[in-house]
Amino acid sequence: MSASAVECARPRSVALARLRDYTELSRPKIAAFSLMTVAVGAVLGAWGMPSPAVFLHVMLATTLLAVSASSLNQYLERHRDLRMRRTLSRPLPAGRLRSEEVLVFGLLTGLSACLWLLAIAGWVASLCGLATWTIYVAIYTPLKSRTTANTAIGAVAGALPLAIGWFAVGGTWNIQLAALLVLLYLWQFPHFMAIAWLYRYDYAAAGLRMLPAVDATGERAGWQALLASVALLAVSAAPCLWILGGPMYLLGAMIAGLAYVVASARFLVRRDDGRARQLLRVSLVYLPSVFALLVLAQLW
């Protein structure tokens, strides 16, 4: 290869490396989860397929919001990430990105997302976006090192993106939206308890007060998972959601909900990594399944 070709290849390789770092900073899996809830909220809020143009803009704006929240979360936790094996290689603790550029990137993408939502979807959807961002970045993230109640706060931020989609398409506050938000809020407790158990030693090393890192027995985490899954089963059977989803939804939600209760109970009875992984897998099947049943009921 000639010298000029090598010189041309270097900027490209540097640019690709930085793109990979920013992609990792954005945590695509978490962003995808947020986008799923926004999309579900939009379809259910419109009682059918929403306007394609509005839907696309809302999805893109929410992507920026998720990217911002994740970036600023990692900016605030960059020193703690150095203490955990699973986060040690992230762009900030590994030194591949400077903290100043991540801070600017996170603030600009967050501001752009809220203004985009305001212009396209209205002030209520934009306010939901701002609330999601604020709770996750400014409240949940600092609380992780102070109290085990951080999960209860973080679950609010996890539920609110559904309201962004709902209000963006003209949906109004009603009992269906309230039930959906409660459903999404409760779903997160068994899901997070399973994750927190699997990474309890990392969390403890970093000084993060996730419940399994504080209670080494895992009993409190197990009880939280079980109680939340039982409450979730009851909420998913609420009459307002029957109207939204129909009999097929109700049948599917009961089957998925019972599986979630059983997985949570098994984790409570024997708190080990195997049972935690089973609970995590069930949680990752439960929510898309229930949401798919609700969406299909509207599109059919």
C-alpha atoms as a PDB file:
ATOM      1  CA  MET A   1       0.000   0.000   0.000  1.00  0.00           C
ATOM      2  CA  SER A   2       1.334   3.459  -0.925  1.00  0.00           C
ATOM      3  CA  ALA A   3       2.077   6.134   1.668  1.00  0.00           C
ATOM      4  CA  SER A   4      -0.798   8.301   0.406  1.00  0.00           C
ATOM      5  CA  ALA A   5      -3.229   5.410   0.734  1.00  0.00           C
ATOM      6  CA  VAL A   6      -2.079   4.808   4.315  1.00  0.00           C
ATOM      7  CA  GLU A   7      -2.557   8.506   5.127  1.00  0.00           C
ATOM      8  CA  CYS A   8      -6.096   8.419   3.714  1.00  0.00           C
ATOM      9  CA  ALA A   9      -6.926   5.258   5.616  1.00  0.00           C
ATOM     10  CA  ARG A  10      -5.879   6.695   8.994  1.00  0.00           C
ATOM     11  CA  PRO A  11      -8.538   9.443   9.194  1.00  0.00           C
ATOM     12  CA  ARG A  12     -11.177   6.931   8.139  1.00  0.00           C
ATOM     13  CA  SER A  13     -10.110   4.458  10.816  1.00  0.00           C
ATOM     14  CA  VAL A  14     -10.061   7.209  13.463  1.00  0.00           C
ATOM     15  CA  ALA A  15     -13.521   8.388  12.391  1.00  0.00           C
ATOM     16  CA  LEU A  16     -14.877   4.846  12.526  1.00  0.00           C
ATOM     17  CA  ALA A  17     -13.372   4.305  15.957  1.00  0.00           C
ATOM     18  CA  ARG A  18     -14.997   7.485  17.254  1.00  0.00           C
ATOM     19  CA  LEU A  19     -18.308   6.495  15.692  1.00  0.00           C
ATOM     20  CA  ARG A  20     -18.089   3.147  17.491  1.00  0.00           C
ATOM     21  CA  ASP A  21     -17.328   4.935  20.761  1.00  0.00           C
ATOM     22  CA  TYR A  22     -20.286   7.277  20.411  1.00  0.00           C
ATOM     23  CA  THR A  23     -22.508   4.358  19.491  1.00  0.00           C
ATOM     24  CA  GLU A  24     -21.374   2.533  22.629  1.00  0.00           C
ATOM     25  CA  LEU A  25     -21.915   5.708  24.629  1.00  0.00           C
ATOM     26  CA  SER A  26     -25.503   5.785  23.363  1.00  0.00           C
ATOM     27  CA  ARG A  27     -26.211   2.223  24.600  1.00  0.00           C
ATOM     28  CA  PRO A  28     -28.314   1.080  21.624  1.00  0.00           C
ATOM     29  CA  LYS A  29     -30.124  -1.705  23.511  1.00  0.00           C
ATOM     30  CA  ILE A  30     -31.537   0.700  26.087  1.00  0.00           C
ATOM     31  CA  ALA A  31     -32.394   3.193  23.339  1.00  0.00           C
ATOM     32  CA  ALA A  32     -34.216   0.452  21.444  1.00  0.00           C
ATOM     33  CA  PHE A  33     -36.278  -0.352  24.532  1.00  0.00           C
ATOM     34  CA  SER A  34     -37.285   3.308  24.894  1.00  0.00           C
ATOM     35  CA  LEU A  35     -38.211   3.483  21.208  1.00  0.00           C
ATOM     36  CA  MET A  36     -40.363   0.373  21.551  1.00  0.00           C
ATOM     37  CA  THR A  37     -42.353   1.958  24.361  1.00  0.00           C
ATOM     38  CA  VAL A  38     -42.724   5.224  22.421  1.00  0.00           C
ATOM     39  CA  ALA A  39     -43.961   3.332  19.357  1.00  0.00           C
ATOM     40  CA  VAL A  40     -46.458   1.365  21.433  1.00  0.00           C
ATOM     41  CA  GLY A  41     -47.674   4.552  23.092  1.00  0.00           C
ATOM     42  CA  ALA A  42     -48.164   6.193  19.694  1.00  0.00           C
ATOM     43  CA  VAL A  43     -50.184   3.303  18.236  1.00  0.00           C
ATOM     44  CA  LEU A  44     -52.336   2.919  21.345  1.00  0.00           C
ATOM     45  CA  GLY A  45     -52.786   6.676  21.771  1.00  0.00           C
ATOM     46  CA  ALA A  46     -54.007   6.961  18.197  1.00  0.00           C
ATOM     47  CA  TRP A  47     -56.144   3.788  18.500  1.00  0.00           C
ATOM     48  CA  GLY A  48     -54.506   2.640  15.278  1.00  0.00           C
ATOM     49  CA  MET A  49     -51.637   3.610  12.996  1.00  0.00           C
ATOM     50  CA  PRO A  50     -50.629   7.245  13.645  1.00  0.00           C
ATOM     51  CA  SER A  51     -49.541   9.730  11.005  1.00  0.00           C
ATOM     52  CA  PRO A  52     -46.319   8.327   9.470  1.00  0.00           C
ATOM     53  CA  ALA A  53     -44.644  11.750   9.426  1.00  0.00           C
ATOM     54  CA  VAL A  54     -45.393  12.494  13.075  1.00  0.00           C
ATOM     55  CA  PHE A  55     -44.451   8.953  14.068  1.00  0.00           C
ATOM     56  CA  LEU A  56     -41.061   9.204  12.321  1.00  0.00           C
ATOM     57  CA  HIS A  57     -40.238  12.585  13.850  1.00  0.00           C
ATOM     58  CA  VAL A  58     -41.201  11.443  17.332  1.00  0.00           C
ATOM     59  CA  MET A  59     -39.100   8.306  17.036  1.00  0.00           C
ATOM     60  CA  LEU A  60     -36.058  10.272  15.859  1.00  0.00           C
ATOM     61  CA  ALA A  61     -36.460  12.898  18.579  1.00  0.00           C
ATOM     62  CA  THR A  62     -36.805  10.209  21.237  1.00  0.00           C
ATOM     63  CA  THR A  63     -33.682   8.528  19.916  1.00  0.00           C
ATOM     64  CA  LEU A  64     -31.787  11.768  20.558  1.00  0.00           C
ATOM     65  CA  LEU A  65     -33.322  11.965  24.028  1.00  0.00           C
ATOM     66  CA  ALA A  66     -32.211   8.414  24.857  1.00  0.00           C
ATOM     67  CA  VAL A  67     -28.729   9.099  23.489  1.00  0.00           C
ATOM     68  CA  SER A  68     -28.467  12.230  25.627  1.00  0.00           C
ATOM     69  CA  ALA A  69     -29.640  10.524  28.820  1.00  0.00           C
ATOM     70  CA  SER A  70     -27.264   7.606  28.355  1.00  0.00           C
ATOM     71  CA  SER A  71     -24.315   9.864  27.543  1.00  0.00           C
ATOM     72  CA  LEU A  72     -24.841  12.082  30.582  1.00  0.00           C
ATOM     73  CA  ASN A  73     -25.421   9.066  32.806  1.00  0.00           C
ATOM     74  CA  GLN A  74     -22.010   7.751  31.790  1.00  0.00           C
ATOM     75  CA  TYR A  75     -20.466  11.201  32.174  1.00  0.00           C
ATOM     76  CA  LEU A  76     -21.715  11.412  35.768  1.00  0.00           C
ATOM     77  CA  GLU A  77     -20.637   7.846  36.559  1.00  0.00           C
ATOM     78  CA  ARG A  78     -17.319   7.839  34.712  1.00  0.00           C
ATOM     79  CA  HIS A  79     -15.269   7.449  37.904  1.00  0.00           C
ATOM     80  CA  ARG A  80     -17.488   4.681  39.287  1.00  0.00           C
ATOM     81  CA  ASP A  81     -17.359   2.876  35.937  1.00  0.00           C
ATOM     82  CA  LEU A  82     -13.618   2.481  36.491  1.00  0.00           C
ATOM     83  CA  ARG A  83     -14.394   0.205  39.445  1.00  0.00           C
ATOM     84  CA  MET A  84     -16.683  -2.225  37.606  1.00  0.00           C
ATOM     85  CA  ARG A  85     -15.469  -4.935  35.262  1.00  0.00           C
ATOM     86  CA  ARG A  86     -18.486  -4.682  32.979  1.00  0.00           C
ATOM     87  CA  THR A  87     -18.045  -0.925  32.448  1.00  0.00           C
ATOM     88  CA  LEU A  88     -14.266  -0.598  32.589  1.00  0.00           C
ATOM     89  CA  SER A  89     -13.941  -0.622  28.795  1.00  0.00           C
ATOM     90  CA  ARG A  90     -16.585   2.035  28.134  1.00  0.00           C
ATOM     91  CA  PRO A  91     -15.332   5.043  26.153  1.00  0.00           C
ATOM     92  CA  LEU A  92     -15.015   7.425  29.127  1.00  0.00           C
ATOM     93  CA  PRO A  93     -13.282   5.223  31.730  1.00  0.00           C
ATOM     94  CA  ALA A  94     -11.080   3.764  28.990  1.00  0.00           C
ATOM     95  CA  GLY A  95     -10.031   7.279  27.972  1.00  0.00           C
ATOM     96  CA  ARG A  96     -11.158   7.029  24.357  1.00  0.00           C
ATOM     97  CA  LEU A  97     -13.477  10.035  24.747  1.00  0.00           C
ATOM     98  CA  ARG A  98     -12.903  13.177  26.823  1.00  0.00           C
ATOM     99  CA  SER A  99     -15.421  14.009  29.519  1.00  0.00           C
ATOM    100  CA  GLU A 100     -15.882  17.564  28.206  1.00  0.00           C
ATOM    101  CA  GLU A 101     -16.927  16.434  24.747  1.00  0.00           C
ATOM    102  CA  VAL A 102     -19.350  13.866  26.181  1.00  0.00           C
ATOM    103  CA  LEU A 103     -20.904  16.540  28.408  1.00  0.00           C
ATOM    104  CA  VAL A 104     -21.408  18.899  25.461  1.00  0.00           C
ATOM    105  CA  PHE A 105     -22.706  16.063  23.274  1.00  0.00           C
ATOM    106  CA  GLY A 106     -25.195  14.967  25.942  1.00  0.00           C
ATOM    107  CA  LEU A 107     -26.511  18.472  26.605  1.00  0.00           C
ATOM    108  CA  LEU A 108     -26.866  19.340  22.908  1.00  0.00           C
ATOM    109  CA  THR A 109     -28.673  16.121  22.005  1.00  0.00           C
ATOM    110  CA  GLY A 110     -31.003  16.480  24.990  1.00  0.00           C
ATOM    111  CA  LEU A 111     -31.879  20.091  24.186  1.00  0.00           C
ATOM    112  CA  SER A 112     -32.373  19.245  20.510  1.00  0.00           C
ATOM    113  CA  ALA A 113     -34.662  16.337  21.388  1.00  0.00           C
ATOM    114  CA  CYS A 114     -36.921  18.426  23.637  1.00  0.00           C
ATOM    115  CA  LEU A 115     -37.168  21.261  21.101  1.00  0.00           C
ATOM    116  CA  TRP A 116     -37.864  18.765  18.308  1.00  0.00           C
ATOM    117  CA  LEU A 117     -40.666  17.188  20.323  1.00  0.00           C
ATOM    118  CA  LEU A 118     -42.073  20.618  21.117  1.00  0.00           C
ATOM    119  CA  ALA A 119     -42.142  21.602  17.433  1.00  0.00           C
ATOM    120  CA  ILE A 120     -43.577  18.348  16.120  1.00  0.00           C
ATOM    121  CA  ALA A 121     -45.588  16.772  18.932  1.00  0.00           C
ATOM    122  CA  GLY A 122     -46.647  19.644  21.186  1.00  0.00           C
ATOM    123  CA  TRP A 123     -45.809  20.820  24.662  1.00  0.00           C
ATOM    124  CA  VAL A 124     -47.255  17.842  26.576  1.00  0.00           C
ATOM    125  CA  ALA A 125     -45.119  15.287  24.726  1.00  0.00           C
ATOM    126  CA  SER A 126     -42.092  17.574  25.042  1.00  0.00           C
ATOM    127  CA  LEU A 127     -42.729  17.975  28.771  1.00  0.00           C
ATOM    128  CA  CYS A 128     -42.878  14.175  29.142  1.00  0.00           C
ATOM    129  CA  GLY A 129     -39.553  13.976  27.338  1.00  0.00           C
ATOM    130  CA  LEU A 130     -38.012  16.598  29.585  1.00  0.00           C
ATOM    131  CA  ALA A 131     -39.370  14.827  32.676  1.00  0.00           C
ATOM    132  CA  THR A 132     -37.930  11.502  31.486  1.00  0.00           C
ATOM    133  CA  TRP A 133     -34.523  13.080  30.901  1.00  0.00           C
ATOM    134  CA  THR A 134     -34.523  14.985  34.199  1.00  0.00           C
ATOM    135  CA  ILE A 135     -35.552  12.029  36.337  1.00  0.00           C
ATOM    136  CA  TYR A 136     -33.019   9.695  34.736  1.00  0.00           C
ATOM    137  CA  VAL A 137     -30.042  12.055  34.607  1.00  0.00           C
ATOM    138  CA  ALA A 138     -30.533  14.481  37.491  1.00  0.00           C
ATOM    139  CA  ILE A 139     -32.354  12.315  40.044  1.00  0.00           C
ATOM    140  CA  TYR A 140     -31.948   8.589  39.404  1.00  0.00           C
ATOM    141  CA  THR A 141     -28.253   8.652  38.524  1.00  0.00           C
ATOM    142  CA  PRO A 142     -27.117  10.542  41.675  1.00  0.00           C
ATOM    143  CA  LEU A 143     -29.439   8.458  43.867  1.00  0.00           C
ATOM    144  CA  LYS A 144     -27.817   5.207  42.755  1.00  0.00           C
ATOM    145  CA  SER A 145     -24.958   5.822  45.169  1.00  0.00           C
ATOM    146  CA  ARG A 146     -27.191   7.042  48.018  1.00  0.00           C
ATOM    147  CA  THR A 147     -30.277   4.870  48.453  1.00  0.00           C
ATOM    148  CA  THR A 148     -31.776   1.563  47.374  1.00  0.00           C
ATOM    149  CA  ALA A 149     -34.923   3.530  46.457  1.00  0.00           C
ATOM    150  CA  ASN A 150     -33.134   4.518  43.244  1.00  0.00           C
ATOM    151  CA  THR A 151     -34.874   1.693  41.362  1.00  0.00           C
ATOM    152  CA  ALA A 152     -38.305   3.053  42.233  1.00  0.00           C
ATOM    153  CA  ILE A 153     -37.262   6.462  40.858  1.00  0.00           C
ATOM    154  CA  GLY A 154     -35.557   5.069  37.774  1.00  0.00           C
ATOM    155  CA  ALA A 155     -38.648   3.041  36.908  1.00  0.00           C
ATOM    156  CA  VAL A 156     -40.583   6.298  36.504  1.00  0.00           C
ATOM    157  CA  ALA A 157     -38.128   7.407  33.831  1.00  0.00           C
ATOM    158  CA  GLY A 158     -38.446   3.975  32.234  1.00  0.00           C
ATOM    159  CA  ALA A 159     -42.231   4.257  31.994  1.00  0.00           C
ATOM    160  CA  LEU A 160     -42.599   7.844  30.771  1.00  0.00           C
ATOM    161  CA  PRO A 161     -41.454   7.329  27.139  1.00  0.00           C
ATOM    162  CA  LEU A 162     -44.753   5.534  26.519  1.00  0.00           C
ATOM    163  CA  ALA A 163     -46.526   8.791  27.431  1.00  0.00           C
ATOM    164  CA  ILE A 164     -44.348  10.670  24.912  1.00  0.00           C
ATOM    165  CA  GLY A 165     -45.712   8.535  22.088  1.00  0.00           C
ATOM    166  CA  TRP A 166     -49.257   8.646  23.453  1.00  0.00           C
ATOM    167  CA  PHE A 167     -49.468  12.434  23.711  1.00  0.00           C
ATOM    168  CA  ALA A 168     -47.493  13.022  20.504  1.00  0.00           C
ATOM    169  CA  VAL A 169     -50.325  11.583  18.398  1.00  0.00           C
ATOM    170  CA  GLY A 170     -53.075  13.489  20.165  1.00  0.00           C
ATOM    171  CA  GLY A 171     -53.895  11.039  22.922  1.00  0.00           C
ATOM    172  CA  THR A 172     -55.364  12.464  26.106  1.00  0.00           C
ATOM    173  CA  TRP A 173     -54.939  11.508  29.751  1.00  0.00           C
ATOM    174  CA  ASN A 174     -57.303   8.654  30.598  1.00  0.00           C
ATOM    175  CA  ILE A 175     -57.530   5.431  32.567  1.00  0.00           C
ATOM    176  CA  GLN A 176     -55.979   3.383  29.751  1.00  0.00           C
ATOM    177  CA  LEU A 177     -52.812   5.471  29.753  1.00  0.00           C
ATOM    178  CA  ALA A 178     -52.623   5.335  33.549  1.00  0.00           C
ATOM    179  CA  ALA A 179     -52.907   1.526  33.497  1.00  0.00           C
ATOM    180  CA  LEU A 180     -50.230   1.234  30.803  1.00  0.00           C
ATOM    181  CA  LEU A 181     -47.827   3.433  32.758  1.00  0.00           C
ATOM    182  CA  VAL A 182     -48.388   1.405  35.928  1.00  0.00           C
ATOM    183  CA  LEU A 183     -47.894  -1.819  33.965  1.00  0.00           C
ATOM    184  CA  LEU A 184     -44.611  -0.591  32.533  1.00  0.00           C
ATOM    185  CA  TYR A 185     -43.502   0.741  35.920  1.00  0.00           C
ATOM    186  CA  LEU A 186     -44.134  -2.568  37.725  1.00  0.00           C
ATOM    187  CA  TRP A 187     -42.521  -4.659  34.978  1.00  0.00           C
ATOM    188  CA  GLN A 188     -39.178  -3.028  35.689  1.00  0.00           C
ATOM    189  CA  PHE A 189     -38.788  -4.273  39.266  1.00  0.00           C
ATOM    190  CA  PRO A 190     -38.283  -8.017  38.595  1.00  0.00           C
ATOM    191  CA  HIS A 191     -36.261  -7.076  35.501  1.00  0.00           C
ATOM    192  CA  PHE A 192     -33.945  -4.750  37.437  1.00  0.00           C
ATOM    193  CA  MET A 193     -33.659  -7.055  40.449  1.00  0.00           C
ATOM    194  CA  ALA A 194     -32.436  -9.849  38.180  1.00  0.00           C
ATOM    195  CA  ILE A 195     -29.829  -7.564  36.593  1.00  0.00           C
ATOM    196  CA  ALA A 196     -28.784  -6.133  39.947  1.00  0.00           C
ATOM    197  CA  TRP A 197     -28.279  -9.620  41.357  1.00  0.00           C
ATOM    198  CA  LEU A 198     -26.113 -10.704  38.419  1.00  0.00           C
ATOM    199  CA  TYR A 199     -23.901  -7.598  38.783  1.00  0.00           C
ATOM    200  CA  ARG A 200     -24.128  -7.234  42.560  1.00  0.00           C
ATOM    201  CA  TYR A 201     -20.366  -7.475  43.122  1.00  0.00           C
ATOM    202  CA  ASP A 202     -19.662  -4.813  40.503  1.00  0.00           C
ATOM    203  CA  TYR A 203     -22.275  -2.532  42.014  1.00  0.00           C
ATOM    204  CA  ALA A 204     -20.869  -3.058  45.502  1.00  0.00           C
ATOM    205  CA  ALA A 205     -17.337  -2.315  44.299  1.00  0.00           C
ATOM    206  CA  ALA A 206     -18.518   0.938  42.734  1.00  0.00           C
ATOM    207  CA  GLY A 207     -20.495   1.976  45.805  1.00  0.00           C
ATOM    208  CA  LEU A 208     -23.853   1.781  44.015  1.00  0.00           C
ATOM    209  CA  ARG A 209     -26.701   0.953  46.366  1.00  0.00           C
ATOM    210  CA  MET A 210     -28.634  -1.511  44.258  1.00  0.00           C
ATOM    211  CA  LEU A 211     -30.634  -3.758  46.551  1.00  0.00           C
ATOM    212  CA  PRO A 212     -28.654  -7.012  46.018  1.00  0.00           C
ATOM    213  CA  ALA A 213     -25.407  -5.094  46.578  1.00  0.00           C
ATOM    214  CA  VAL A 214     -26.683  -3.932  49.977  1.00  0.00           C
ATOM    215  CA  ASP A 215     -28.570  -7.078  51.025  1.00  0.00           C
ATOM    216  CA  ALA A 216     -26.160  -9.894  50.204  1.00  0.00           C
ATOM    217  CA  THR A 217     -28.817 -12.559  50.812  1.00  0.00           C
ATOM    218  CA  GLY A 218     -30.953 -11.225  47.959  1.00  0.00           C
ATOM    219  CA  GLU A 219     -34.106 -11.845  49.976  1.00  0.00           C
ATOM    220  CA  ARG A 220     -35.359  -8.278  49.734  1.00  0.00           C
ATOM    221  CA  ALA A 221     -34.709  -8.228  46.003  1.00  0.00           C
ATOM    222  CA  GLY A 222     -36.584 -11.506  45.635  1.00  0.00           C
ATOM    223  CA  TRP A 223     -39.595 -10.179  47.532  1.00  0.00           C
ATOM    224  CA  GLN A 224     -39.630  -6.984  45.474  1.00  0.00           C
ATOM    225  CA  ALA A 225     -39.573  -9.014  42.290  1.00  0.00           C
ATOM    226  CA  LEU A 226     -42.384 -11.309  43.406  1.00  0.00           C
ATOM    227  CA  LEU A 227     -44.668  -8.583  44.769  1.00  0.00           C
ATOM    228  CA  ALA A 228     -44.207  -6.460  41.662  1.00  0.00           C
ATOM    229  CA  SER A 229     -44.938  -9.377  39.332  1.00  0.00           C
ATOM    230  CA  VAL A 230     -48.129 -10.252  41.248  1.00  0.00           C
ATOM    231  CA  ALA A 231     -49.260  -6.619  41.127  1.00  0.00           C
ATOM    232  CA  LEU A 232     -48.399  -6.556  37.433  1.00  0.00           C
ATOM    233  CA  LEU A 233     -50.620  -9.574  36.814  1.00  0.00           C
ATOM    234  CA  ALA A 234     -53.536  -7.743  38.437  1.00  0.00           C
ATOM    235  CA  VAL A 235     -52.933  -4.502  36.537  1.00  0.00           C
ATOM    236  CA  SER A 236     -52.644  -6.279  33.188  1.00  0.00           C
ATOM    237  CA  ALA A 237     -56.127  -7.736  33.774  1.00  0.00           C
ATOM    238  CA  ALA A 238     -57.692  -4.320  34.457  1.00  0.00           C
ATOM    239  CA  PRO A 239     -60.978  -3.858  32.551  1.00  0.00           C
ATOM    240  CA  CYS A 240     -59.661  -0.700  30.846  1.00  0.00           C
ATOM    241  CA  LEU A 241     -56.929  -2.773  29.216  1.00  0.00           C
ATOM    242  CA  TRP A 242     -59.436  -5.414  28.129  1.00  0.00           C
ATOM    243  CA  ILE A 243     -61.170  -2.667  26.164  1.00  0.00           C
ATOM    244  CA  LEU A 244     -57.859  -1.597  24.655  1.00  0.00           C
ATOM    245  CA  GLY A 245     -56.635  -5.110  23.859  1.00  0.00           C
ATOM    246  CA  GLY A 246     -59.591  -7.467  23.678  1.00  0.00           C
ATOM    247  CA  PRO A 247     -59.912 -11.136  24.717  1.00  0.00           C
ATOM    248  CA  MET A 248     -56.745 -12.321  22.949  1.00  0.00           C
ATOM    249  CA  TYR A 249     -54.753  -9.728  24.827  1.00  0.00           C
ATOM    250  CA  LEU A 250     -56.276 -10.803  28.126  1.00  0.00           C
ATOM    251  CA  LEU A 251     -55.459 -14.467  27.526  1.00  0.00           C
ATOM    252  CA  GLY A 252     -51.893 -13.710  26.452  1.00  0.00           C
ATOM    253  CA  ALA A 253     -51.313 -11.258  29.299  1.00  0.00           C
ATOM    254  CA  MET A 254     -52.486 -13.808  31.864  1.00  0.00           C
ATOM    255  CA  ILE A 255     -50.197 -16.525  30.476  1.00  0.00           C
ATOM    256  CA  ALA A 256     -47.196 -14.181  30.280  1.00  0.00           C
ATOM    257  CA  GLY A 257     -47.978 -12.694  33.690  1.00  0.00           C
ATOM    258  CA  LEU A 258     -48.194 -16.089  35.382  1.00  0.00           C
ATOM    259  CA  ALA A 259     -44.854 -17.026  33.844  1.00  0.00           C
ATOM    260  CA  TYR A 260     -43.379 -13.820  35.260  1.00  0.00           C
ATOM    261  CA  VAL A 261     -44.801 -14.573  38.730  1.00  0.00           C
ATOM    262  CA  VAL A 262     -43.419 -18.107  38.644  1.00  0.00           C
ATOM    263  CA  ALA A 263     -39.960 -16.915  37.550  1.00  0.00           C
ATOM    264  CA  SER A 264     -39.971 -14.289  40.316  1.00  0.00           C
ATOM    265  CA  ALA A 265     -41.063 -16.839  42.919  1.00  0.00           C
ATOM    266  CA  ARG A 266     -38.348 -19.254  41.816  1.00  0.00           C
ATOM    267  CA  PHE A 267     -35.764 -16.495  42.199  1.00  0.00           C
ATOM    268  CA  LEU A 268     -37.044 -15.696  45.698  1.00  0.00           C
ATOM    269  CA  VAL A 269     -36.893 -19.347  46.750  1.00  0.00           C
ATOM    270  CA  ARG A 270     -33.395 -19.926  45.371  1.00  0.00           C
ATOM    271  CA  ARG A 271     -31.430 -16.765  44.825  1.00  0.00           C
ATOM    272  CA  ASP A 272     -28.594 -17.640  42.489  1.00  0.00           C
ATOM    273  CA  ASP A 273     -27.294 -16.551  39.109  1.00  0.00           C
ATOM    274  CA  GLY A 274     -29.167 -19.271  37.258  1.00  0.00           C
ATOM    275  CA  ARG A 275     -32.559 -18.245  38.613  1.00  0.00           C
ATOM    276  CA  ALA A 276     -31.715 -14.558  38.070  1.00  0.00           C
ATOM    277  CA  ARG A 277     -30.910 -15.215  34.409  1.00  0.00           C
ATOM    278  CA  GLN A 278     -34.172 -17.127  34.015  1.00  0.00           C
ATOM    279  CA  LEU A 279     -36.093 -14.207  35.491  1.00  0.00           C
ATOM    280  CA  LEU A 280     -34.266 -11.785  33.215  1.00  0.00           C
ATOM    281  CA  ARG A 281     -35.118 -13.872  30.144  1.00  0.00           C
ATOM    282  CA  VAL A 282     -38.791 -14.071  31.123  1.00  0.00           C
ATOM    283  CA  SER A 283     -38.886 -10.306  31.652  1.00  0.00           C
ATOM    284  CA  LEU A 284     -37.470  -9.747  28.164  1.00  0.00           C
ATOM    285  CA  VAL A 285     -40.191 -11.954  26.668  1.00  0.00           C
ATOM    286  CA  TYR A 286     -43.056 -10.641  28.797  1.00  0.00           C
ATOM    287  CA  LEU A 287     -43.106  -6.973  27.825  1.00  0.00           C
ATOM    288  CA  PRO A 288     -42.757  -7.284  24.013  1.00  0.00           C
ATOM    289  CA  SER A 289     -45.393 -10.029  24.057  1.00  0.00           C
ATOM    290  CA  VAL A 290     -47.951  -7.980  25.998  1.00  0.00           C
ATOM    291  CA  PHE A 291     -47.251  -4.868  23.951  1.00  0.00           C
ATOM    292  CA  ALA A 292     -47.507  -6.822  20.697  1.00  0.00           C
ATOM    293  CA  LEU A 293     -50.946  -8.113  21.695  1.00  0.00           C
ATOM    294  CA  LEU A 294     -52.130  -4.587  22.468  1.00  0.00           C
ATOM    295  CA  VAL A 295     -50.750  -3.149  19.220  1.00  0.00           C
ATOM    296  CA  LEU A 296     -52.181  -5.961  17.084  1.00  0.00           C
ATOM    297  CA  ALA A 297     -55.596  -5.393  18.636  1.00  0.00           C
ATOM    298  CA  GLN A 298     -55.472  -1.766  17.423  1.00  0.00           C
ATOM    299  CA  LEU A 299     -54.088  -2.474  13.962  1.00  0.00           C
ATOM    300  CA  TRP A 300     -56.583  -5.231  13.238  1.00  0.00           C
END
